[in-house]
């Protein structure tokens, strides 16, 4: 955890150094992409990734809801409004990319409105039902209580259950905030996958390998989703270890 800041800064530097080469990433079809920040973060943290996605042809937007701190019914309703607005403006299903806690929200939003969501991509998200997988547990519970309002009303009860849309969990075994096992999607479902990368937790949103994987996933034609299969030089930048 103590090495997270310097590693993340290195990933940010690499992201901008390789930004010209990222023009060669697969182009998008213009569909909407909602990008959600992690716990205690805001749209500022996702600006580099959104800028990249916009340059690739997506209608990529932030949530415009300030810092990701509180988990209550009002916040869930506000995020659903983001989904509805982007869906209506683009005239089709949207994708949701969420970093850390943002990925938890992305999965839950897709469960609430699967007819409006094309796919979900989470980055280092604590999608296990065991909060012990994250070092941010105490701060989260201090700010939100042991059972946030949506949980008391029956939502967020099965975080480990994937939404009924194609779902990708991008994770790193070097994560200093969320233990990687807490980000692994269980089972071998046809429309669920895990992608391991070499990254820090705080650098996931600006990691070049993550950008490659996100662009590859989003570029798939609607209704033709396939699991990630790196080829060529990509085989060198993605670990091939087993996630159990």
C-alpha atoms as a PDB file:
ATOM      1  CA  UNK A   1       0.000   0.000   0.000  1.00  0.00           C
ATOM      2  CA  UNK A   2       2.861   2.375   0.816  1.00  0.00           C
ATOM      3  CA  UNK A   3       4.225   2.026  -2.710  1.00  0.00           C
ATOM      4  CA  UNK A   4       0.908   2.932  -4.347  1.00  0.00           C
ATOM      5  CA  UNK A   5       1.602   6.698  -4.892  1.00  0.00           C
ATOM      6  CA  UNK A   6       4.989   6.360  -6.642  1.00  0.00           C
ATOM      7  CA  UNK A   7       3.786   3.440  -8.751  1.00  0.00           C
ATOM      8  CA  UNK A   8       0.687   5.364  -9.799  1.00  0.00           C
ATOM      9  CA  UNK A   9       2.789   8.375 -10.770  1.00  0.00           C
ATOM     10  CA  UNK A  10       4.932   6.119 -12.948  1.00  0.00           C
ATOM     11  CA  UNK A  11       1.827   4.748 -14.641  1.00  0.00           C
ATOM     12  CA  UNK A  12       0.512   8.267 -15.252  1.00  0.00           C
ATOM     13  CA  UNK A  13       3.818   9.252 -16.842  1.00  0.00           C
ATOM     14  CA  UNK A  14       3.727   6.134 -19.015  1.00  0.00           C
ATOM     15  CA  UNK A  15       0.157   6.884 -20.053  1.00  0.00           C
ATOM     16  CA  UNK A  16       1.049  10.312 -21.374  1.00  0.00           C
ATOM     17  CA  UNK A  17       4.323   9.092 -22.915  1.00  0.00           C
ATOM     18  CA  UNK A  18       2.451   6.427 -24.871  1.00  0.00           C
ATOM     19  CA  UNK A  19      -0.595   8.595 -25.610  1.00  0.00           C
ATOM     20  CA  UNK A  20       0.424   9.199 -29.269  1.00  0.00           C
ATOM     21  CA  UNK A  21       0.630   5.427 -29.851  1.00  0.00           C
ATOM     22  CA  UNK A  22      -2.819   4.949 -28.330  1.00  0.00           C
ATOM     23  CA  UNK A  23      -4.296   6.494 -31.482  1.00  0.00           C
ATOM     24  CA  UNK A  24      -3.826   3.007 -32.935  1.00  0.00           C
ATOM     25  CA  UNK A  25      -6.172   1.405 -30.422  1.00  0.00           C
ATOM     26  CA  UNK A  26      -9.462   0.048 -31.798  1.00  0.00           C
ATOM     27  CA  UNK A  27     -11.909   2.807 -32.726  1.00  0.00           C
ATOM     28  CA  UNK A  28     -15.320   3.092 -31.117  1.00  0.00           C
ATOM     29  CA  UNK A  29     -18.753   3.166 -32.690  1.00  0.00           C
ATOM     30  CA  UNK A  30     -19.896   6.301 -30.889  1.00  0.00           C
ATOM     31  CA  UNK A  31     -21.889   4.619 -28.146  1.00  0.00           C
ATOM     32  CA  UNK A  32     -22.058   6.253 -24.727  1.00  0.00           C
ATOM     33  CA  UNK A  33     -19.557   5.361 -21.995  1.00  0.00           C
ATOM     34  CA  UNK A  34     -20.178   6.465 -18.416  1.00  0.00           C
ATOM     35  CA  UNK A  35     -16.978   6.478 -16.334  1.00  0.00           C
ATOM     36  CA  UNK A  36     -17.343   6.346 -12.532  1.00  0.00           C
ATOM     37  CA  UNK A  37     -14.551   7.337 -10.105  1.00  0.00           C
ATOM     38  CA  UNK A  38     -13.298   5.400  -7.111  1.00  0.00           C
ATOM     39  CA  UNK A  39     -13.934   5.962  -3.413  1.00  0.00           C
ATOM     40  CA  UNK A  40     -13.032   9.525  -2.343  1.00  0.00           C
ATOM     41  CA  UNK A  41     -12.187  10.450  -5.964  1.00  0.00           C
ATOM     42  CA  UNK A  42     -13.941  12.678  -8.493  1.00  0.00           C
ATOM     43  CA  UNK A  43     -14.179  13.066 -12.271  1.00  0.00           C
ATOM     44  CA  UNK A  44     -10.697  14.592 -12.231  1.00  0.00           C
ATOM     45  CA  UNK A  45      -9.218  11.128 -11.646  1.00  0.00           C
ATOM     46  CA  UNK A  46     -10.957   9.671 -14.717  1.00  0.00           C
ATOM     47  CA  UNK A  47     -10.252  12.611 -17.053  1.00  0.00           C
ATOM     48  CA  UNK A  48      -7.257  10.974 -18.823  1.00  0.00           C
ATOM     49  CA  UNK A  49      -9.196   7.782 -19.558  1.00  0.00           C
ATOM     50  CA  UNK A  50     -12.274   9.704 -20.708  1.00  0.00           C
ATOM     51  CA  UNK A  51     -10.140  11.875 -22.967  1.00  0.00           C
ATOM     52  CA  UNK A  52      -8.658   8.767 -24.563  1.00  0.00           C
ATOM     53  CA  UNK A  53     -12.057   7.155 -25.077  1.00  0.00           C
ATOM     54  CA  UNK A  54     -13.442  10.343 -26.597  1.00  0.00           C
ATOM     55  CA  UNK A  55     -10.515  10.464 -29.041  1.00  0.00           C
ATOM     56  CA  UNK A  56     -11.305   6.882 -30.045  1.00  0.00           C
ATOM     57  CA  UNK A  57     -14.848   7.848 -30.970  1.00  0.00           C
ATOM     58  CA  UNK A  58     -16.933   7.193 -27.870  1.00  0.00           C
ATOM     59  CA  UNK A  59     -19.301   9.594 -26.153  1.00  0.00           C
ATOM     60  CA  UNK A  60     -17.387   9.292 -22.876  1.00  0.00           C
ATOM     61  CA  UNK A  61     -18.673  11.240 -19.882  1.00  0.00           C
ATOM     62  CA  UNK A  62     -18.047  11.502 -16.147  1.00  0.00           C
ATOM     63  CA  UNK A  63     -20.767  11.367 -13.550  1.00  0.00           C
ATOM     64  CA  UNK A  64     -20.548  15.072 -12.550  1.00  0.00           C
ATOM     65  CA  UNK A  65     -21.534  14.228  -8.974  1.00  0.00           C
ATOM     66  CA  UNK A  66     -18.457  15.422  -7.109  1.00  0.00           C
ATOM     67  CA  UNK A  67     -16.447  13.082  -4.903  1.00  0.00           C
ATOM     68  CA  UNK A  68     -17.438   9.461  -4.484  1.00  0.00           C
ATOM     69  CA  UNK A  69     -17.973   9.412  -0.719  1.00  0.00           C
ATOM     70  CA  UNK A  70     -21.542   8.736   0.331  1.00  0.00           C
ATOM     71  CA  UNK A  71     -23.555   5.653  -0.578  1.00  0.00           C
ATOM     72  CA  UNK A  72     -27.233   6.465  -0.127  1.00  0.00           C
ATOM     73  CA  UNK A  73     -30.469   6.319  -2.096  1.00  0.00           C
ATOM     74  CA  UNK A  74     -30.038   9.862  -3.381  1.00  0.00           C
ATOM     75  CA  UNK A  75     -26.635   8.981  -4.858  1.00  0.00           C
ATOM     76  CA  UNK A  76     -28.013   5.824  -6.492  1.00  0.00           C
ATOM     77  CA  UNK A  77     -30.873   7.834  -8.000  1.00  0.00           C
ATOM     78  CA  UNK A  78     -28.425  10.445  -9.283  1.00  0.00           C
ATOM     79  CA  UNK A  79     -26.295   7.773 -10.950  1.00  0.00           C
ATOM     80  CA  UNK A  80     -29.378   6.211 -12.526  1.00  0.00           C
ATOM     81  CA  UNK A  81     -30.205   9.649 -13.909  1.00  0.00           C
ATOM     82  CA  UNK A  82     -26.718   9.685 -15.505  1.00  0.00           C
ATOM     83  CA  UNK A  83     -27.458   6.334 -17.134  1.00  0.00           C
ATOM     84  CA  UNK A  84     -30.875   7.502 -18.351  1.00  0.00           C
ATOM     85  CA  UNK A  85     -29.549  10.791 -19.731  1.00  0.00           C
ATOM     86  CA  UNK A  86     -26.664   9.220 -21.653  1.00  0.00           C
ATOM     87  CA  UNK A  87     -28.888   6.420 -22.926  1.00  0.00           C
ATOM     88  CA  UNK A  88     -31.479   8.865 -24.207  1.00  0.00           C
ATOM     89  CA  UNK A  89     -28.928  11.230 -25.748  1.00  0.00           C
ATOM     90  CA  UNK A  90     -27.038   8.532 -27.621  1.00  0.00           C
ATOM     91  CA  UNK A  91     -30.119   6.545 -28.573  1.00  0.00           C
ATOM     92  CA  UNK A  92     -28.689   3.177 -27.568  1.00  0.00           C
ATOM     93  CA  UNK A  93     -27.249   1.038 -24.814  1.00  0.00           C
ATOM     94  CA  UNK A  94     -24.297   2.497 -22.945  1.00  0.00           C
ATOM     95  CA  UNK A  95     -21.226   0.942 -21.376  1.00  0.00           C
ATOM     96  CA  UNK A  96     -20.186   1.707 -17.805  1.00  0.00           C
ATOM     97  CA  UNK A  97     -16.558   1.746 -16.682  1.00  0.00           C
ATOM     98  CA  UNK A  98     -16.013   1.992 -12.938  1.00  0.00           C
ATOM     99  CA  UNK A  99     -12.783   2.343 -10.953  1.00  0.00           C
ATOM    100  CA  UNK A 100     -12.705   0.687  -7.524  1.00  0.00           C
ATOM    101  CA  UNK A 101     -15.975   1.599  -5.731  1.00  0.00           C
ATOM    102  CA  UNK A 102     -17.130   3.043  -9.047  1.00  0.00           C
ATOM    103  CA  UNK A 103     -16.977  -0.470 -10.465  1.00  0.00           C
ATOM    104  CA  UNK A 104     -19.250  -1.743  -7.698  1.00  0.00           C
ATOM    105  CA  UNK A 105     -21.723   0.971  -8.664  1.00  0.00           C
ATOM    106  CA  UNK A 106     -21.349   0.121 -12.354  1.00  0.00           C
ATOM    107  CA  UNK A 107     -22.349  -3.488 -11.734  1.00  0.00           C
ATOM    108  CA  UNK A 108     -25.305  -2.532  -9.537  1.00  0.00           C
ATOM    109  CA  UNK A 109     -26.569   0.045 -12.061  1.00  0.00           C
ATOM    110  CA  UNK A 110     -26.470  -2.621 -14.758  1.00  0.00           C
ATOM    111  CA  UNK A 111     -28.559  -4.882 -12.518  1.00  0.00           C
ATOM    112  CA  UNK A 112     -31.138  -2.105 -12.097  1.00  0.00           C
ATOM    113  CA  UNK A 113     -31.353  -1.238 -15.816  1.00  0.00           C
ATOM    114  CA  UNK A 114     -29.889  -4.063 -17.942  1.00  0.00           C
ATOM    115  CA  UNK A 115     -31.948  -2.932 -20.921  1.00  0.00           C
ATOM    116  CA  UNK A 116     -29.897   0.285 -21.046  1.00  0.00           C
ATOM    117  CA  UNK A 117     -26.432  -1.161 -20.452  1.00  0.00           C
ATOM    118  CA  UNK A 118     -24.267  -2.767 -23.116  1.00  0.00           C
ATOM    119  CA  UNK A 119     -21.374  -3.907 -20.912  1.00  0.00           C
ATOM    120  CA  UNK A 120     -19.643  -3.236 -17.606  1.00  0.00           C
ATOM    121  CA  UNK A 121     -15.912  -2.908 -16.970  1.00  0.00           C
ATOM    122  CA  UNK A 122     -14.611  -2.618 -13.400  1.00  0.00           C
ATOM    123  CA  UNK A 123     -11.067  -1.640 -12.441  1.00  0.00           C
ATOM    124  CA  UNK A 124      -9.756  -3.071  -9.175  1.00  0.00           C
ATOM    125  CA  UNK A 125     -13.245  -3.136  -7.710  1.00  0.00           C
ATOM    126  CA  UNK A 126     -14.133  -4.890  -4.415  1.00  0.00           C
ATOM    127  CA  UNK A 127     -16.887  -7.014  -5.951  1.00  0.00           C
ATOM    128  CA  UNK A 128     -16.758  -9.640  -3.218  1.00  0.00           C
ATOM    129  CA  UNK A 129     -19.404  -9.675  -0.508  1.00  0.00           C
ATOM    130  CA  UNK A 130     -16.545  -9.634   2.035  1.00  0.00           C
ATOM    131  CA  UNK A 131     -15.522  -6.017   2.788  1.00  0.00           C
ATOM    132  CA  UNK A 132     -12.383  -7.345   4.399  1.00  0.00           C
ATOM    133  CA  UNK A 133     -10.790  -7.433   0.947  1.00  0.00           C
ATOM    134  CA  UNK A 134     -10.275  -3.661   0.983  1.00  0.00           C
ATOM    135  CA  UNK A 135      -7.998  -1.491   3.127  1.00  0.00           C
ATOM    136  CA  UNK A 136     -10.555   1.312   2.806  1.00  0.00           C
ATOM    137  CA  UNK A 137     -13.158  -0.609   4.795  1.00  0.00           C
ATOM    138  CA  UNK A 138     -12.834   1.351   8.045  1.00  0.00           C
ATOM    139  CA  UNK A 139     -12.991   4.744   6.340  1.00  0.00           C
ATOM    140  CA  UNK A 140     -15.926   3.613   4.200  1.00  0.00           C
ATOM    141  CA  UNK A 141     -17.865   2.391   7.241  1.00  0.00           C
ATOM    142  CA  UNK A 142     -16.975   5.527   9.223  1.00  0.00           C
ATOM    143  CA  UNK A 143     -18.530   7.679   6.495  1.00  0.00           C
ATOM    144  CA  UNK A 144     -21.422   5.384   5.539  1.00  0.00           C
ATOM    145  CA  UNK A 145     -22.095   3.121   8.511  1.00  0.00           C
ATOM    146  CA  UNK A 146     -21.939  -0.653   8.566  1.00  0.00           C
ATOM    147  CA  UNK A 147     -25.037  -0.857   6.407  1.00  0.00           C
ATOM    148  CA  UNK A 148     -25.542   2.060   3.996  1.00  0.00           C
ATOM    149  CA  UNK A 149     -29.106   3.064   3.168  1.00  0.00           C
ATOM    150  CA  UNK A 150     -29.370   1.021  -0.079  1.00  0.00           C
ATOM    151  CA  UNK A 151     -28.129  -2.109   1.721  1.00  0.00           C
ATOM    152  CA  UNK A 152     -30.765  -1.708   4.434  1.00  0.00           C
ATOM    153  CA  UNK A 153     -33.381  -1.631   1.694  1.00  0.00           C
ATOM    154  CA  UNK A 154     -32.158  -4.786  -0.031  1.00  0.00           C
ATOM    155  CA  UNK A 155     -29.731  -3.504  -2.672  1.00  0.00           C
ATOM    156  CA  UNK A 156     -26.001  -4.281  -2.864  1.00  0.00           C
ATOM    157  CA  UNK A 157     -26.656  -7.569  -1.112  1.00  0.00           C
ATOM    158  CA  UNK A 158     -24.989  -9.802  -3.719  1.00  0.00           C
ATOM    159  CA  UNK A 159     -21.947  -7.887  -4.904  1.00  0.00           C
ATOM    160  CA  UNK A 160     -20.312 -11.078  -6.127  1.00  0.00           C
ATOM    161  CA  UNK A 161     -23.154 -11.765  -8.532  1.00  0.00           C
ATOM    162  CA  UNK A 162     -22.449 -10.312 -11.952  1.00  0.00           C
ATOM    163  CA  UNK A 163     -25.086  -8.239 -13.756  1.00  0.00           C
ATOM    164  CA  UNK A 164     -26.950  -9.821 -16.707  1.00  0.00           C
ATOM    165  CA  UNK A 165     -24.724  -8.086 -19.285  1.00  0.00           C
ATOM    166  CA  UNK A 166     -21.170  -8.802 -20.484  1.00  0.00           C
ATOM    167  CA  UNK A 167     -18.905  -7.973 -17.548  1.00  0.00           C
ATOM    168  CA  UNK A 168     -15.140  -7.559 -17.321  1.00  0.00           C
ATOM    169  CA  UNK A 169     -13.160  -7.249 -14.099  1.00  0.00           C
ATOM    170  CA  UNK A 170      -9.659  -5.823 -14.592  1.00  0.00           C
ATOM    171  CA  UNK A 171      -7.449  -6.481 -11.579  1.00  0.00           C
ATOM    172  CA  UNK A 172      -3.850  -6.540 -10.395  1.00  0.00           C
ATOM    173  CA  UNK A 173      -2.170  -8.858  -7.929  1.00  0.00           C
ATOM    174  CA  UNK A 174      -0.032  -5.895  -6.838  1.00  0.00           C
ATOM    175  CA  UNK A 175      -3.100  -3.952  -5.656  1.00  0.00           C
ATOM    176  CA  UNK A 176      -2.322  -2.198  -2.386  1.00  0.00           C
ATOM    177  CA  UNK A 177      -5.901  -1.133  -1.635  1.00  0.00           C
ATOM    178  CA  UNK A 178      -8.234  -3.950  -2.728  1.00  0.00           C
ATOM    179  CA  UNK A 179      -6.926  -7.503  -2.435  1.00  0.00           C
ATOM    180  CA  UNK A 180      -6.970  -9.014  -5.912  1.00  0.00           C
ATOM    181  CA  UNK A 181      -9.043 -11.989  -4.782  1.00  0.00           C
ATOM    182  CA  UNK A 182     -11.841  -9.555  -3.944  1.00  0.00           C
ATOM    183  CA  UNK A 183     -11.919  -8.456  -7.594  1.00  0.00           C
ATOM    184  CA  UNK A 184     -12.155 -11.900  -9.157  1.00  0.00           C
ATOM    185  CA  UNK A 185     -15.487 -12.797 -10.702  1.00  0.00           C
ATOM    186  CA  UNK A 186     -16.363 -16.286  -9.542  1.00  0.00           C
ATOM    187  CA  UNK A 187     -17.334 -19.070 -11.892  1.00  0.00           C
ATOM    188  CA  UNK A 188     -16.780 -19.507 -15.613  1.00  0.00           C
ATOM    189  CA  UNK A 189     -19.759 -17.691 -17.054  1.00  0.00           C
ATOM    190  CA  UNK A 190     -20.066 -17.103 -20.771  1.00  0.00           C
ATOM    191  CA  UNK A 191     -20.359 -13.329 -20.391  1.00  0.00           C
ATOM    192  CA  UNK A 192     -17.993 -12.743 -17.461  1.00  0.00           C
ATOM    193  CA  UNK A 193     -14.224 -12.477 -17.484  1.00  0.00           C
ATOM    194  CA  UNK A 194     -11.232 -11.427 -15.410  1.00  0.00           C
ATOM    195  CA  UNK A 195      -8.218  -9.652 -16.924  1.00  0.00           C
ATOM    196  CA  UNK A 196      -5.031  -9.405 -14.882  1.00  0.00           C
ATOM    197  CA  UNK A 197      -2.635  -6.505 -15.468  1.00  0.00           C
ATOM    198  CA  UNK A 198       0.646  -5.276 -13.984  1.00  0.00           C
ATOM    199  CA  UNK A 199      -0.501  -2.150 -12.138  1.00  0.00           C
ATOM    200  CA  UNK A 200      -1.112  -0.391  -8.860  1.00  0.00           C
ATOM    201  CA  UNK A 201      -4.620   0.261  -7.592  1.00  0.00           C
ATOM    202  CA  UNK A 202      -4.258   4.043  -7.756  1.00  0.00           C
ATOM    203  CA  UNK A 203      -2.832   3.845 -11.257  1.00  0.00           C
ATOM    204  CA  UNK A 204      -5.392   1.551 -12.856  1.00  0.00           C
ATOM    205  CA  UNK A 205      -7.243   4.374 -14.585  1.00  0.00           C
ATOM    206  CA  UNK A 206      -4.055   5.624 -16.259  1.00  0.00           C
ATOM    207  CA  UNK A 207      -2.253   2.342 -16.845  1.00  0.00           C
ATOM    208  CA  UNK A 208      -1.437   1.782 -20.554  1.00  0.00           C
ATOM    209  CA  UNK A 209      -2.267  -1.939 -20.385  1.00  0.00           C
ATOM    210  CA  UNK A 210      -5.620  -1.154 -18.784  1.00  0.00           C
ATOM    211  CA  UNK A 211      -6.295   1.412 -21.530  1.00  0.00           C
ATOM    212  CA  UNK A 212      -5.527  -1.274 -24.126  1.00  0.00           C
ATOM    213  CA  UNK A 213      -7.895  -3.762 -22.481  1.00  0.00           C
ATOM    214  CA  UNK A 214     -10.705  -1.224 -22.023  1.00  0.00           C
ATOM    215  CA  UNK A 215     -10.443  -0.079 -25.643  1.00  0.00           C
ATOM    216  CA  UNK A 216     -10.451  -3.696 -26.842  1.00  0.00           C
ATOM    217  CA  UNK A 217     -13.538  -4.546 -24.810  1.00  0.00           C
ATOM    218  CA  UNK A 218     -15.532  -1.459 -25.779  1.00  0.00           C
ATOM    219  CA  UNK A 219     -14.790  -1.872 -29.495  1.00  0.00           C
ATOM    220  CA  UNK A 220     -16.697  -5.139 -29.754  1.00  0.00           C
ATOM    221  CA  UNK A 221     -19.882  -4.853 -31.833  1.00  0.00           C
ATOM    222  CA  UNK A 222     -23.030  -4.951 -29.755  1.00  0.00           C
ATOM    223  CA  UNK A 223     -24.249  -8.508 -29.332  1.00  0.00           C
ATOM    224  CA  UNK A 224     -20.883 -10.007 -30.385  1.00  0.00           C
ATOM    225  CA  UNK A 225     -19.009  -9.943 -27.070  1.00  0.00           C
ATOM    226  CA  UNK A 226     -16.111 -12.383 -26.738  1.00  0.00           C
ATOM    227  CA  UNK A 227     -13.690 -12.958 -23.895  1.00  0.00           C
ATOM    228  CA  UNK A 228     -10.386 -11.106 -23.977  1.00  0.00           C
ATOM    229  CA  UNK A 229      -7.646 -12.875 -25.898  1.00  0.00           C
ATOM    230  CA  UNK A 230      -4.416 -10.848 -26.215  1.00  0.00           C
ATOM    231  CA  UNK A 231      -2.431 -11.456 -29.379  1.00  0.00           C
ATOM    232  CA  UNK A 232       1.032 -10.596 -30.606  1.00  0.00           C
ATOM    233  CA  UNK A 233       2.926  -8.108 -28.456  1.00  0.00           C
ATOM    234  CA  UNK A 234      -0.076  -7.890 -26.087  1.00  0.00           C
ATOM    235  CA  UNK A 235       0.891 -11.346 -24.827  1.00  0.00           C
ATOM    236  CA  UNK A 236       3.963  -9.739 -23.269  1.00  0.00           C
ATOM    237  CA  UNK A 237       2.115  -7.136 -21.221  1.00  0.00           C
ATOM    238  CA  UNK A 238      -0.676  -9.239 -19.736  1.00  0.00           C
ATOM    239  CA  UNK A 239       0.080 -11.887 -17.072  1.00  0.00           C
ATOM    240  CA  UNK A 240      -1.056 -15.408 -17.836  1.00  0.00           C
ATOM    241  CA  UNK A 241      -1.319 -16.641 -14.237  1.00  0.00           C
ATOM    242  CA  UNK A 242      -4.408 -18.417 -12.967  1.00  0.00           C
ATOM    243  CA  UNK A 243      -6.840 -16.394 -10.843  1.00  0.00           C
ATOM    244  CA  UNK A 244      -8.068 -18.612  -8.020  1.00  0.00           C
END
